[in-house]
Structure formats: C-alpha cells, structure tokens
Amino acid sequence: MALSIDNYDVVVLKAGWIYRQKPLFKRWKKVWMTVSLGGNLKCFSKKRSSRATKTYDVKMDLISIKSGKQCRTLLPPPDIDTFCLMELHFTGARKISLCAHDRDSAELWLRAIGKANSDKALPTPKYSRKNRTKEDALKEESMEQNERQRKIWYRLLCCGGENQVKNFTTPRHPNSSWT
C-alpha cells in the first residue's frame, strides 16, 4: 500500500478501481475511488478526473462497515466472490455498496477505510478545518454564542443600549444618610 501526497487531503491510503452499486437500479458500475488518511472517501467516474462525483467524510459520518457474508441483501457482480462485498453505513441513513475485484483487494480497501476512520489524532495543516470533530464544532459554536450574549447583556445593563458606559453609583447628598 503506497502512500502519496494529494492537494486536498494529507495522504492517500488507497486508490483504485472498485465496483459501486447504483442506488436507483441496483446495477454495479466500475468507479475510481480514493481513501485518504484525512478521512475522505472520493468516487470518480474516470481515473484522471479532477472532480469527485461523490465525497464521503469517513471520520465524521461513518457508522458501520459490513463486509463479506454480513452483506446479506447484496448480490456481487458476475464472476466475483461474495467475500468481496462491502457496505458502508453513514449518518442520515446513507449507505454505499462496494465490491472489490478479489479477496485481497477487498481486504486492502477495508484496511484503508478502517485506518481513515480510526486515525483521529492525525496532525493536519493549521489552515484546514476539515478534521474537526462534531463535538469541537459544537463547543466552538457554543462559546461564540455565549460571547455574543455576554456582549449584548453588557450593552443593555451598562450602556443602556448605547455605546457609552453609565456610572452605576448613585449620587449622594452630603447631608443624607442611608437609614
């Protein structure tokens, strides 16, 4: 399994031809697919295509992987063994059905997808926000919302909705008492 650098993903773990079952008519179509260490699974119609037809985020969205005999509802393409089948279930009730050419190729695809899914501690470029977890995104959004609310309350309480801070001390006459 050779590693190579890609422009959009950190490292490509596996790339090659694989059968993908179309969701509408359940026909198998040969597609070029790449799995990157950054967590992207990309489908291309041609090997030299620059744009992916489908992209799946394996780190964020993959729920389960079924392979071989676990894929009970799938029939492989002609002349291919049942052990070459793979079913990837994603969030939002999405799934893709894949079939490798032989058992060894299926094992390599499963390893690459498993590696892309499990390698959560991979350092990514600082300018990239692709590999944030959902919890990180929610925490950041919550902190931003709390900061906005704090600024709004500060303006309402201290400034009276204006940009000038009012003095909270009550003017006291020298002859008055607090009793």
N, C-alpha and C. Protein backbone atom coordinates (compact mmCIF):
# COMPACT_ATOMS: atom_id res chain seq x y z
N MET A 1 0.84 -1.17 0.00
CA MET A 1 0.00 0.00 0.00
C MET A 1 0.89 1.24 0.00
N ALA A 2 1.00 1.88 -1.11
CA ALA A 2 1.87 3.05 -1.25
C ALA A 2 1.13 4.31 -0.79
N LEU A 3 1.88 5.21 -0.19
CA LEU A 3 1.32 6.48 0.27
C LEU A 3 1.78 7.58 -0.67
N SER A 4 0.87 8.45 -1.04
CA SER A 4 1.24 9.57 -1.90
C SER A 4 0.54 10.83 -1.42
N ILE A 5 1.10 11.96 -1.76
CA ILE A 5 0.56 13.25 -1.33
C ILE A 5 -0.50 13.71 -2.32
N ASP A 6 -1.59 14.27 -1.82
CA ASP A 6 -2.67 14.82 -2.62
C ASP A 6 -2.83 16.29 -2.26
N ASN A 7 -3.37 17.09 -3.17
CA ASN A 7 -3.53 18.52 -2.90
C ASN A 7 -4.54 18.81 -1.80
N TYR A 8 -5.62 18.06 -1.74
CA TYR A 8 -6.72 18.37 -0.83
C TYR A 8 -6.70 17.53 0.44
N ASP A 9 -6.12 16.36 0.39
CA ASP A 9 -6.05 15.51 1.56
C ASP A 9 -4.58 15.31 1.92
N VAL A 10 -4.35 14.95 3.15
CA VAL A 10 -2.98 14.85 3.62
C VAL A 10 -2.25 13.70 2.91
N VAL A 11 -2.77 12.48 3.01
CA VAL A 11 -2.12 11.31 2.42
C VAL A 11 -3.19 10.38 1.85
N VAL A 12 -2.98 9.88 0.63
CA VAL A 12 -3.91 8.92 0.02
C VAL A 12 -3.48 7.52 0.43
N LEU A 13 -4.38 6.79 1.12
CA LEU A 13 -4.07 5.44 1.58
C LEU A 13 -4.28 4.40 0.50
N LYS A 14 -5.36 4.52 -0.25
CA LYS A 14 -5.70 3.52 -1.26
C LYS A 14 -6.43 4.21 -2.39
N ALA A 15 -6.07 3.84 -3.60
CA ALA A 15 -6.75 4.35 -4.79
C ALA A 15 -6.83 3.22 -5.79
N GLY A 16 -7.96 3.12 -6.48
CA GLY A 16 -8.08 2.07 -7.48
C GLY A 16 -9.50 1.90 -7.97
N TRP A 17 -9.65 0.95 -8.90
CA TRP A 17 -10.97 0.65 -9.46
C TRP A 17 -11.71 -0.27 -8.51
N ILE A 18 -13.00 0.00 -8.34
CA ILE A 18 -13.86 -0.81 -7.50
C ILE A 18 -15.28 -0.69 -8.04
N TYR A 19 -16.09 -1.71 -7.82
CA TYR A 19 -17.48 -1.64 -8.25
C TYR A 19 -18.30 -0.94 -7.17
N ARG A 20 -19.18 -0.06 -7.60
CA ARG A 20 -20.09 0.64 -6.70
C ARG A 20 -21.50 0.40 -7.21
N GLN A 21 -22.41 0.01 -6.32
CA GLN A 21 -23.77 -0.26 -6.73
C GLN A 21 -24.56 1.04 -6.76
N LYS A 22 -25.18 1.30 -7.89
CA LYS A 22 -26.01 2.49 -8.04
C LYS A 22 -27.28 2.32 -7.21
N PRO A 23 -27.71 3.34 -6.49
CA PRO A 23 -28.86 3.19 -5.59
C PRO A 23 -30.21 3.01 -6.30
N LEU A 24 -30.36 3.54 -7.50
CA LEU A 24 -31.67 3.52 -8.14
C LEU A 24 -32.00 2.17 -8.77
N PHE A 25 -31.17 1.68 -9.68
CA PHE A 25 -31.47 0.43 -10.37
C PHE A 25 -30.64 -0.74 -9.86
N LYS A 26 -29.82 -0.52 -8.82
CA LYS A 26 -29.02 -1.57 -8.20
C LYS A 26 -28.06 -2.24 -9.16
N ARG A 27 -27.56 -1.49 -10.14
CA ARG A 27 -26.56 -2.02 -11.08
C ARG A 27 -25.18 -1.69 -10.56
N TRP A 28 -24.22 -2.56 -10.85
CA TRP A 28 -22.84 -2.33 -10.45
C TRP A 28 -22.13 -1.52 -11.52
N LYS A 29 -21.43 -0.49 -11.08
CA LYS A 29 -20.68 0.36 -12.01
C LYS A 29 -19.25 0.46 -11.50
N LYS A 30 -18.31 0.37 -12.41
CA LYS A 30 -16.90 0.47 -12.06
C LYS A 30 -16.53 1.94 -11.89
N VAL A 31 -15.97 2.30 -10.73
CA VAL A 31 -15.57 3.69 -10.45
C VAL A 31 -14.15 3.70 -9.90
N TRP A 32 -13.49 4.83 -10.04
CA TRP A 32 -12.18 5.05 -9.44
C TRP A 32 -12.42 5.67 -8.08
N MET A 33 -11.85 5.09 -7.04
CA MET A 33 -12.11 5.57 -5.68
C MET A 33 -10.80 5.78 -4.95
N THR A 34 -10.77 6.80 -4.10
CA THR A 34 -9.60 7.06 -3.26
C THR A 34 -10.03 7.16 -1.80
N VAL A 35 -9.17 6.70 -0.92
CA VAL A 35 -9.38 6.83 0.52
C VAL A 35 -8.16 7.57 1.06
N SER A 36 -8.38 8.68 1.75
CA SER A 36 -7.26 9.46 2.28
C SER A 36 -7.19 9.34 3.79
N LEU A 37 -6.01 9.56 4.30
CA LEU A 37 -5.80 9.50 5.74
C LEU A 37 -6.54 10.64 6.44
N GLY A 38 -6.83 11.70 5.71
CA GLY A 38 -7.60 12.81 6.25
C GLY A 38 -9.05 12.47 6.49
N GLY A 39 -9.53 11.32 5.98
CA GLY A 39 -10.88 10.86 6.25
C GLY A 39 -11.84 10.97 5.09
N ASN A 40 -11.37 11.29 3.90
CA ASN A 40 -12.27 11.43 2.75
C ASN A 40 -12.27 10.18 1.89
N LEU A 41 -13.44 9.76 1.49
CA LEU A 41 -13.64 8.68 0.54
C LEU A 41 -14.26 9.33 -0.69
N LYS A 42 -13.52 9.33 -1.81
CA LYS A 42 -13.97 10.05 -3.00
C LYS A 42 -14.18 9.08 -4.15
N CYS A 43 -15.29 9.27 -4.88
CA CYS A 43 -15.61 8.47 -6.06
C CYS A 43 -15.43 9.34 -7.30
N PHE A 44 -14.76 8.80 -8.31
CA PHE A 44 -14.54 9.49 -9.57
C PHE A 44 -15.10 8.63 -10.69
N SER A 45 -15.60 9.25 -11.74
CA SER A 45 -16.10 8.48 -12.88
C SER A 45 -14.95 7.96 -13.74
N LYS A 46 -13.84 8.70 -13.79
CA LYS A 46 -12.65 8.31 -14.55
C LYS A 46 -11.43 8.43 -13.66
N LYS A 47 -10.38 7.72 -14.03
CA LYS A 47 -9.16 7.74 -13.24
C LYS A 47 -8.50 9.12 -13.23
N ARG A 48 -8.55 9.82 -14.33
CA ARG A 48 -7.89 11.12 -14.45
C ARG A 48 -8.81 12.31 -14.15
N SER A 49 -10.01 12.07 -13.62
CA SER A 49 -10.93 13.17 -13.31
C SER A 49 -10.36 14.04 -12.20
N SER A 50 -10.59 15.33 -12.31
CA SER A 50 -10.12 16.24 -11.27
C SER A 50 -11.20 16.50 -10.22
N ARG A 51 -12.46 16.25 -10.56
CA ARG A 51 -13.57 16.47 -9.62
C ARG A 51 -14.20 15.14 -9.26
N ALA A 52 -14.43 14.96 -7.98
CA ALA A 52 -15.08 13.75 -7.50
C ALA A 52 -16.58 13.84 -7.74
N THR A 53 -17.19 12.70 -8.13
CA THR A 53 -18.65 12.68 -8.29
C THR A 53 -19.34 12.59 -6.94
N LYS A 54 -18.72 11.91 -5.99
CA LYS A 54 -19.25 11.79 -4.63
C LYS A 54 -18.09 11.85 -3.65
N THR A 55 -18.30 12.49 -2.52
CA THR A 55 -17.31 12.54 -1.46
C THR A 55 -18.00 12.21 -0.14
N TYR A 56 -17.41 11.32 0.62
CA TYR A 56 -17.93 10.94 1.93
C TYR A 56 -16.86 11.22 2.98
N ASP A 57 -17.28 11.75 4.11
CA ASP A 57 -16.37 12.01 5.22
C ASP A 57 -16.41 10.81 6.16
N VAL A 58 -15.39 9.99 6.07
CA VAL A 58 -15.37 8.73 6.83
C VAL A 58 -15.21 9.00 8.32
N LYS A 59 -14.38 9.97 8.69
CA LYS A 59 -14.14 10.25 10.11
C LYS A 59 -15.38 10.75 10.82
N MET A 60 -16.13 11.62 10.17
CA MET A 60 -17.27 12.25 10.83
C MET A 60 -18.57 11.46 10.67
N ASP A 61 -18.77 10.82 9.53
CA ASP A 61 -20.08 10.29 9.21
C ASP A 61 -20.21 8.77 9.19
N LEU A 62 -19.12 8.03 9.17
CA LEU A 62 -19.21 6.58 9.06
C LEU A 62 -19.70 5.97 10.37
N ILE A 63 -20.75 5.15 10.26
CA ILE A 63 -21.31 4.49 11.44
C ILE A 63 -20.82 3.05 11.53
N SER A 64 -20.96 2.29 10.43
CA SER A 64 -20.55 0.89 10.47
C SER A 64 -20.09 0.42 9.09
N ILE A 65 -19.30 -0.66 9.13
CA ILE A 65 -18.81 -1.29 7.91
C ILE A 65 -19.22 -2.76 7.96
N LYS A 66 -19.89 -3.22 6.92
CA LYS A 66 -20.21 -4.64 6.80
C LYS A 66 -19.41 -5.17 5.62
N SER A 67 -18.96 -6.42 5.74
CA SER A 67 -18.20 -6.99 4.64
C SER A 67 -18.52 -8.47 4.49
N GLY A 68 -18.29 -8.97 3.29
CA GLY A 68 -18.46 -10.40 3.01
C GLY A 68 -19.87 -10.90 3.22
N LYS A 69 -19.99 -11.94 4.04
CA LYS A 69 -21.28 -12.59 4.28
C LYS A 69 -22.24 -11.72 5.11
N GLN A 70 -21.74 -10.65 5.74
CA GLN A 70 -22.61 -9.75 6.50
C GLN A 70 -23.52 -8.94 5.58
N CYS A 71 -23.14 -8.81 4.32
CA CYS A 71 -23.93 -8.07 3.33
C CYS A 71 -24.96 -9.03 2.73
N ARG A 72 -25.98 -9.35 3.48
CA ARG A 72 -26.96 -10.36 3.07
C ARG A 72 -27.86 -9.92 1.94
N THR A 73 -28.08 -8.63 1.80
CA THR A 73 -29.01 -8.15 0.77
C THR A 73 -28.34 -7.87 -0.56
N LEU A 74 -27.02 -8.03 -0.63
CA LEU A 74 -26.28 -7.71 -1.86
C LEU A 74 -25.93 -8.97 -2.65
N LEU A 75 -26.01 -8.84 -3.94
CA LEU A 75 -25.51 -9.87 -4.85
C LEU A 75 -24.32 -9.27 -5.59
N PRO A 76 -23.17 -9.95 -5.59
CA PRO A 76 -21.99 -9.38 -6.25
C PRO A 76 -22.13 -9.42 -7.77
N PRO A 77 -21.32 -8.66 -8.48
CA PRO A 77 -21.31 -8.73 -9.94
C PRO A 77 -20.94 -10.16 -10.40
N PRO A 78 -21.21 -10.49 -11.65
CA PRO A 78 -20.89 -11.85 -12.14
C PRO A 78 -19.40 -12.18 -11.99
N ASP A 79 -19.11 -13.41 -11.65
CA ASP A 79 -17.76 -13.95 -11.53
C ASP A 79 -16.95 -13.34 -10.38
N ILE A 80 -17.61 -12.77 -9.38
CA ILE A 80 -16.91 -12.22 -8.22
C ILE A 80 -17.48 -12.87 -6.97
N ASP A 81 -16.59 -13.18 -6.02
CA ASP A 81 -16.94 -13.87 -4.80
C ASP A 81 -17.72 -12.96 -3.85
N THR A 82 -18.55 -13.57 -3.00
CA THR A 82 -19.35 -12.83 -2.02
C THR A 82 -18.46 -12.15 -0.98
N PHE A 83 -17.27 -12.69 -0.73
CA PHE A 83 -16.38 -12.12 0.27
C PHE A 83 -15.82 -10.77 -0.15
N CYS A 84 -16.02 -10.37 -1.38
CA CYS A 84 -15.50 -9.09 -1.87
C CYS A 84 -16.48 -7.94 -1.64
N LEU A 85 -17.66 -8.23 -1.09
CA LEU A 85 -18.68 -7.19 -0.88
C LEU A 85 -18.38 -6.36 0.36
N MET A 86 -18.74 -5.07 0.30
CA MET A 86 -18.61 -4.15 1.44
C MET A 86 -19.81 -3.22 1.44
N GLU A 87 -20.30 -2.91 2.62
CA GLU A 87 -21.39 -1.97 2.78
C GLU A 87 -20.98 -0.96 3.83
N LEU A 88 -20.97 0.31 3.46
CA LEU A 88 -20.60 1.38 4.39
C LEU A 88 -21.86 2.16 4.75
N HIS A 89 -22.19 2.22 6.04
CA HIS A 89 -23.37 2.93 6.52
C HIS A 89 -22.93 4.25 7.13
N PHE A 90 -23.54 5.34 6.65
CA PHE A 90 -23.21 6.68 7.10
C PHE A 90 -24.41 7.28 7.84
N THR A 91 -24.17 8.42 8.48
CA THR A 91 -25.25 9.13 9.14
C THR A 91 -26.27 9.59 8.11
N GLY A 92 -27.48 9.83 8.55
CA GLY A 92 -28.53 10.29 7.65
C GLY A 92 -29.07 9.17 6.78
N ALA A 93 -28.97 7.93 7.25
CA ALA A 93 -29.49 6.75 6.53
C ALA A 93 -28.88 6.61 5.14
N ARG A 94 -27.64 7.08 4.96
CA ARG A 94 -26.95 6.92 3.69
C ARG A 94 -26.09 5.67 3.75
N LYS A 95 -25.96 4.99 2.62
CA LYS A 95 -25.06 3.84 2.55
C LYS A 95 -24.54 3.71 1.13
N ILE A 96 -23.35 3.13 1.03
CA ILE A 96 -22.82 2.81 -0.28
C ILE A 96 -22.42 1.34 -0.27
N SER A 97 -22.70 0.69 -1.37
CA SER A 97 -22.36 -0.71 -1.54
C SER A 97 -21.20 -0.80 -2.52
N LEU A 98 -20.14 -1.49 -2.09
CA LEU A 98 -18.93 -1.62 -2.90
C LEU A 98 -18.59 -3.09 -3.08
N CYS A 99 -17.87 -3.39 -4.15
CA CYS A 99 -17.41 -4.74 -4.40
C CYS A 99 -16.03 -4.68 -5.06
N ALA A 100 -15.04 -5.28 -4.42
CA ALA A 100 -13.69 -5.32 -4.97
C ALA A 100 -13.58 -6.44 -5.99
N HIS A 101 -12.47 -6.48 -6.72
CA HIS A 101 -12.28 -7.48 -7.77
C HIS A 101 -11.93 -8.86 -7.20
N ASP A 102 -11.20 -8.88 -6.06
CA ASP A 102 -10.83 -10.15 -5.45
C ASP A 102 -10.73 -9.96 -3.93
N ARG A 103 -10.49 -11.06 -3.22
CA ARG A 103 -10.45 -11.00 -1.75
C ARG A 103 -9.32 -10.13 -1.22
N ASP A 104 -8.16 -10.22 -1.83
CA ASP A 104 -7.02 -9.41 -1.37
C ASP A 104 -7.29 -7.92 -1.52
N SER A 105 -7.85 -7.55 -2.65
CA SER A 105 -8.20 -6.15 -2.89
C SER A 105 -9.26 -5.68 -1.88
N ALA A 106 -10.23 -6.54 -1.59
CA ALA A 106 -11.27 -6.19 -0.62
C ALA A 106 -10.66 -5.96 0.76
N GLU A 107 -9.71 -6.80 1.13
CA GLU A 107 -9.03 -6.64 2.42
C GLU A 107 -8.26 -5.33 2.48
N LEU A 108 -7.59 -4.96 1.39
CA LEU A 108 -6.85 -3.69 1.36
C LEU A 108 -7.80 -2.49 1.47
N TRP A 109 -8.94 -2.56 0.78
CA TRP A 109 -9.92 -1.48 0.87
C TRP A 109 -10.44 -1.36 2.29
N LEU A 110 -10.76 -2.48 2.92
CA LEU A 110 -11.28 -2.43 4.29
C LEU A 110 -10.24 -1.88 5.26
N ARG A 111 -8.99 -2.26 5.09
CA ARG A 111 -7.93 -1.71 5.95
C ARG A 111 -7.78 -0.21 5.76
N ALA A 112 -7.80 0.23 4.53
CA ALA A 112 -7.64 1.67 4.25
C ALA A 112 -8.80 2.47 4.84
N ILE A 113 -10.02 1.98 4.67
CA ILE A 113 -11.19 2.68 5.21
C ILE A 113 -11.14 2.67 6.73
N GLY A 114 -10.77 1.53 7.31
CA GLY A 114 -10.64 1.44 8.77
C GLY A 114 -9.58 2.39 9.30
N LYS A 115 -8.45 2.48 8.59
CA LYS A 115 -7.37 3.40 9.01
C LYS A 115 -7.82 4.86 8.91
N ALA A 116 -8.52 5.20 7.84
CA ALA A 116 -9.01 6.57 7.67
C ALA A 116 -10.04 6.91 8.75
N ASN A 117 -10.80 5.93 9.19
CA ASN A 117 -11.83 6.15 10.20
C ASN A 117 -11.22 6.23 11.60
N SER A 118 -10.20 5.44 11.88
CA SER A 118 -9.72 5.34 13.26
C SER A 118 -8.60 6.31 13.60
N ASP A 119 -7.92 6.87 12.64
CA ASP A 119 -6.77 7.72 12.91
C ASP A 119 -7.22 9.14 13.20
N LYS A 120 -7.77 9.35 14.40
CA LYS A 120 -8.34 10.64 14.77
C LYS A 120 -7.28 11.65 15.20
N ALA A 121 -6.11 11.19 15.62
CA ALA A 121 -5.10 12.10 16.17
C ALA A 121 -4.11 12.58 15.12
N LEU A 122 -4.44 12.47 13.85
CA LEU A 122 -3.54 12.89 12.80
C LEU A 122 -3.38 14.40 12.77
N PRO A 123 -2.16 14.93 12.83
CA PRO A 123 -2.00 16.38 12.74
C PRO A 123 -2.33 16.85 11.33
N THR A 124 -3.11 17.88 11.24
CA THR A 124 -3.50 18.44 9.95
C THR A 124 -2.95 19.85 9.83
N PRO A 125 -2.90 20.39 8.63
CA PRO A 125 -2.44 21.77 8.47
C PRO A 125 -3.31 22.73 9.28
N LYS A 126 -2.69 23.78 9.82
CA LYS A 126 -3.42 24.71 10.68
C LYS A 126 -4.51 25.47 9.95
N TYR A 127 -4.37 25.66 8.64
CA TYR A 127 -5.38 26.41 7.90
C TYR A 127 -6.59 25.55 7.59
N SER A 128 -6.50 24.25 7.81
CA SER A 128 -7.59 23.34 7.45
C SER A 128 -8.50 23.10 8.65
N ARG A 129 -9.82 23.13 8.41
CA ARG A 129 -10.78 22.83 9.46
C ARG A 129 -11.55 21.56 9.13
N LYS A 130 -11.03 20.75 8.18
CA LYS A 130 -11.74 19.57 7.71
C LYS A 130 -11.84 18.49 8.78
N ASN A 131 -10.84 18.36 9.63
CA ASN A 131 -10.79 17.23 10.53
C ASN A 131 -11.29 17.53 11.93
N ARG A 132 -12.06 18.60 12.08
CA ARG A 132 -12.65 18.88 13.38
C ARG A 132 -13.75 17.86 13.65
N THR A 133 -13.88 17.45 14.90
CA THR A 133 -14.96 16.56 15.26
C THR A 133 -16.23 17.37 15.47
N LYS A 134 -17.35 16.70 15.51
CA LYS A 134 -18.63 17.39 15.72
C LYS A 134 -18.65 18.07 17.07
N GLU A 135 -18.04 17.41 18.08
CA GLU A 135 -18.01 17.99 19.43
C GLU A 135 -17.22 19.30 19.44
N ASP A 136 -16.09 19.33 18.71
CA ASP A 136 -15.29 20.55 18.62
C ASP A 136 -16.09 21.68 17.97
N ALA A 137 -16.80 21.36 16.90
CA ALA A 137 -17.59 22.37 16.20
C ALA A 137 -18.71 22.89 17.10
N LEU A 138 -19.38 21.99 17.83
CA LEU A 138 -20.46 22.41 18.72
C LEU A 138 -19.93 23.24 19.88
N LYS A 139 -18.76 22.85 20.43
CA LYS A 139 -18.18 23.59 21.53
C LYS A 139 -17.78 24.99 21.09
N GLU A 140 -17.18 25.09 19.89
CA GLU A 140 -16.78 26.40 19.37
C GLU A 140 -18.00 27.28 19.11
N GLU A 141 -19.05 26.70 18.55
CA GLU A 141 -20.27 27.45 18.29
C GLU A 141 -20.91 27.92 19.58
N SER A 142 -20.91 27.07 20.62
CA SER A 142 -21.47 27.43 21.91
C SER A 142 -20.68 28.57 22.56
N MET A 143 -19.35 28.51 22.45
CA MET A 143 -18.53 29.57 23.02
C MET A 143 -18.77 30.89 22.31
N GLU A 144 -18.92 30.85 20.98
CA GLU A 144 -19.20 32.08 20.23
C GLU A 144 -20.56 32.65 20.62
N GLN A 145 -21.55 31.78 20.79
CA GLN A 145 -22.88 32.24 21.16
C GLN A 145 -22.86 32.84 22.57
N ASN A 146 -22.14 32.22 23.51
CA ASN A 146 -22.03 32.77 24.86
C ASN A 146 -21.36 34.14 24.84
N GLU A 147 -20.34 34.30 24.01
CA GLU A 147 -19.65 35.59 23.91
C GLU A 147 -20.58 36.66 23.35
N ARG A 148 -21.38 36.30 22.33
CA ARG A 148 -22.34 37.27 21.78
C ARG A 148 -23.37 37.68 22.83
N GLN A 149 -23.88 36.70 23.60
CA GLN A 149 -24.87 37.01 24.63
C GLN A 149 -24.27 37.89 25.72
N ARG A 150 -23.02 37.61 26.10
CA ARG A 150 -22.36 38.42 27.12
C ARG A 150 -22.22 39.87 26.66
N LYS A 151 -21.86 40.07 25.38
CA LYS A 151 -21.73 41.43 24.85
C LYS A 151 -23.08 42.15 24.82
N ILE A 152 -24.13 41.41 24.46
CA ILE A 152 -25.47 42.01 24.42
C ILE A 152 -25.90 42.42 25.82
N TRP A 153 -25.71 41.55 26.82
CA TRP A 153 -26.09 41.88 28.19
C TRP A 153 -25.27 43.04 28.72
N TYR A 154 -24.00 43.11 28.38
CA TYR A 154 -23.16 44.21 28.81
C TYR A 154 -23.69 45.53 28.26
N ARG A 155 -24.03 45.54 26.98
CA ARG A 155 -24.55 46.76 26.38
C ARG A 155 -25.88 47.17 27.00
N LEU A 156 -26.75 46.19 27.27
CA LEU A 156 -28.05 46.52 27.85
C LEU A 156 -27.93 47.01 29.28
N LEU A 157 -27.13 46.34 30.10
CA LEU A 157 -27.04 46.71 31.51
C LEU A 157 -26.16 47.92 31.76
N CYS A 158 -25.01 47.94 31.15
CA CYS A 158 -24.05 49.00 31.44
C CYS A 158 -24.25 50.24 30.57
N CYS A 159 -24.60 50.06 29.34
CA CYS A 159 -24.64 51.17 28.41
C CYS A 159 -26.06 51.63 28.12
N GLY A 160 -27.04 50.87 28.54
CA GLY A 160 -28.42 51.23 28.23
C GLY A 160 -28.68 51.15 26.74
N GLY A 161 -28.00 50.28 26.06
CA GLY A 161 -28.17 50.13 24.62
C GLY A 161 -27.32 51.09 23.82
N GLU A 162 -26.61 51.99 24.51
CA GLU A 162 -25.74 52.94 23.82
C GLU A 162 -24.29 52.47 23.93
N ASN A 163 -23.41 53.18 23.35
CA ASN A 163 -22.00 52.81 23.40
C ASN A 163 -21.25 53.46 24.55
N GLN A 164 -21.93 54.25 25.38
CA GLN A 164 -21.27 54.90 26.49
C GLN A 164 -21.61 54.16 27.78
N VAL A 165 -20.62 53.94 28.61
CA VAL A 165 -20.83 53.26 29.89
C VAL A 165 -21.36 54.29 30.88
N LYS A 166 -22.46 53.91 31.55
CA LYS A 166 -23.04 54.80 32.55
C LYS A 166 -22.44 54.47 33.91
N ASN A 167 -22.48 55.44 34.78
CA ASN A 167 -21.96 55.26 36.12
C ASN A 167 -23.04 54.63 36.98
N PHE A 168 -22.70 53.52 37.67
CA PHE A 168 -23.68 52.82 38.50
C PHE A 168 -23.83 53.44 39.89
N THR A 169 -22.92 54.31 40.30
CA THR A 169 -23.01 54.87 41.65
C THR A 169 -24.13 55.89 41.70
N THR A 170 -24.88 55.84 42.77
CA THR A 170 -25.99 56.77 42.96
C THR A 170 -25.44 58.06 43.55
N PRO A 171 -25.81 59.20 42.98
CA PRO A 171 -25.31 60.45 43.56
C PRO A 171 -25.86 60.63 44.97
N ARG A 172 -25.01 60.88 45.90
CA ARG A 172 -25.39 61.01 47.30
C ARG A 172 -25.19 62.45 47.78
N HIS A 173 -26.19 62.93 48.43
CA HIS A 173 -26.06 64.28 49.00
C HIS A 173 -25.25 64.18 50.29
N PRO A 174 -24.47 65.18 50.55
CA PRO A 174 -23.62 65.11 51.76
C PRO A 174 -24.41 65.02 53.05
N ASN A 175 -25.63 65.53 53.11
CA ASN A 175 -26.39 65.54 54.35
C ASN A 175 -27.32 64.33 54.47
N SER A 176 -27.43 63.49 53.48
CA SER A 176 -28.37 62.37 53.54
C SER A 176 -27.69 61.16 54.18
N SER A 177 -28.51 60.32 54.74
CA SER A 177 -28.00 59.09 55.34
C SER A 177 -28.68 57.89 54.71
N TRP A 178 -28.13 56.71 54.89
CA TRP A 178 -28.67 55.50 54.27
C TRP A 178 -29.72 54.81 55.12
N THR A 179 -30.08 55.33 56.25
CA THR A 179 -31.05 54.69 57.11
C THR A 179 -32.46 55.04 56.80
